[in-house]
PDB file of N, CA and C in Angstrom:
ATOM      1  N   UNK A   1    -101.795 -75.772  45.087  1.00  0.00           N
ATOM      2  CA  UNK A   1    -101.894 -75.643  43.554  1.00  0.00           C
ATOM      3  C   UNK A   1    -101.476 -74.177  43.163  1.00  0.00           C
ATOM      4  N   UNK A   2    -102.169 -72.810  44.070  1.00  0.00           N
ATOM      5  CA  UNK A   2    -101.977 -71.661  43.589  1.00  0.00           C
ATOM      6  C   UNK A   2    -100.220 -71.152  43.696  1.00  0.00           C
ATOM      7  N   UNK A   3     -99.833 -72.009  44.330  1.00  0.00           N
ATOM      8  CA  UNK A   3     -98.306 -72.037  44.997  1.00  0.00           C
ATOM      9  C   UNK A   3     -97.786 -71.920  43.058  1.00  0.00           C
ATOM     10  N   UNK A   4     -98.103 -73.135  42.651  1.00  0.00           N
ATOM     11  CA  UNK A   4     -97.064 -73.311  41.454  1.00  0.00           C
ATOM     12  C   UNK A   4     -97.481 -72.894  40.855  1.00  0.00           C
ATOM     13  N   UNK A   5     -99.200 -72.345  40.404  1.00  0.00           N
ATOM     14  CA  UNK A   5     -99.504 -71.042  39.205  1.00  0.00           C
ATOM     15  C   UNK A   5     -98.712 -69.753  39.405  1.00  0.00           C
ATOM     16  N   UNK A   6     -98.803 -69.368  40.456  1.00  0.00           N
ATOM     17  CA  UNK A   6     -97.993 -67.978  41.241  1.00  0.00           C
ATOM     18  C   UNK A   6     -96.658 -68.259  40.645  1.00  0.00           C
ATOM     19  N   UNK A   7     -95.983 -69.171  40.628  1.00  0.00           N
ATOM     20  CA  UNK A   7     -94.768 -69.420  40.312  1.00  0.00           C
ATOM     21  C   UNK A   7     -94.336 -69.463  38.793  1.00  0.00           C
ATOM     22  N   UNK A   8     -95.214 -70.281  37.673  1.00  0.00           N
ATOM     23  CA  UNK A   8     -95.378 -70.195  36.849  1.00  0.00           C
ATOM     24  C   UNK A   8     -95.614 -68.930  35.845  1.00  0.00           C
ATOM     25  N   UNK A   9     -96.488 -68.143  36.666  1.00  0.00           N
ATOM     26  CA  UNK A   9     -96.895 -66.948  36.021  1.00  0.00           C
ATOM     27  C   UNK A   9     -95.608 -66.183  35.653  1.00  0.00           C
ATOM     28  N   UNK A  10     -94.929 -66.101  37.058  1.00  0.00           N
ATOM     29  CA  UNK A  10     -93.755 -65.289  37.434  1.00  0.00           C
ATOM     30  C   UNK A  10     -92.450 -65.357  36.958  1.00  0.00           C
ATOM     31  N   UNK A  11     -92.822 -67.349  36.065  1.00  0.00           N
ATOM     32  CA  UNK A  11     -91.912 -67.581  35.146  1.00  0.00           C
ATOM     33  C   UNK A  11     -91.945 -67.081  34.084  1.00  0.00           C
ATOM     34  N   UNK A  12     -93.061 -67.419  33.338  1.00  0.00           N
ATOM     35  CA  UNK A  12     -93.325 -66.926  31.862  1.00  0.00           C
ATOM     36  C   UNK A  12     -93.193 -65.712  31.756  1.00  0.00           C
ATOM     37  N   UNK A  13     -93.103 -64.472  32.615  1.00  0.00           N
ATOM     38  CA  UNK A  13     -93.386 -63.536  32.747  1.00  0.00           C
ATOM     39  C   UNK A  13     -91.964 -62.388  32.628  1.00  0.00           C
ATOM     40  N   UNK A  14     -91.099 -63.604  33.211  1.00  0.00           N
ATOM     41  CA  UNK A  14     -89.750 -63.061  33.559  1.00  0.00           C
ATOM     42  C   UNK A  14     -89.342 -63.610  31.605  1.00  0.00           C
ATOM     43  N   UNK A  15     -90.030 -64.654  31.164  1.00  0.00           N
ATOM     44  CA  UNK A  15     -89.251 -65.038  30.039  1.00  0.00           C
ATOM     45  C   UNK A  15     -89.633 -64.201  28.901  1.00  0.00           C
ATOM     46  N   UNK A  16     -91.061 -63.845  28.755  1.00  0.00           N
ATOM     47  CA  UNK A  16     -91.169 -63.019  28.310  1.00  0.00           C
ATOM     48  C   UNK A  16     -90.580 -61.357  28.155  1.00  0.00           C
ATOM     49  N   UNK A  17     -90.352 -61.174  29.310  1.00  0.00           N
ATOM     50  CA  UNK A  17     -89.604 -59.845  29.228  1.00  0.00           C
ATOM     51  C   UNK A  17     -88.156 -59.642  28.956  1.00  0.00           C
ATOM     52  N   UNK A  18     -87.786 -60.812  28.746  1.00  0.00           N
ATOM     53  CA  UNK A  18     -86.799 -61.046  28.551  1.00  0.00           C
ATOM     54  C   UNK A  18     -86.500 -61.513  27.235  1.00  0.00           C
ATOM     55  N   UNK A  19     -87.250 -61.588  26.476  1.00  0.00           N
ATOM     56  CA  UNK A  19     -87.627 -61.851  25.140  1.00  0.00           C
ATOM     57  C   UNK A  19     -88.093 -59.975  24.290  1.00  0.00           C
ATOM     58  N   UNK A  20     -88.712 -59.784  24.992  1.00  0.00           N
ATOM     59  CA  UNK A  20     -88.871 -58.131  24.681  1.00  0.00           C
ATOM     60  C   UNK A  20     -88.017 -57.318  24.251  1.00  0.00           C
TER      61      UNK A  20
END
């Protein structure tokens, strides 16, 4: 489960950086 969470956080961070 930690793996999925890590990927989710990375994807979310990427999306936020793209919008900023």
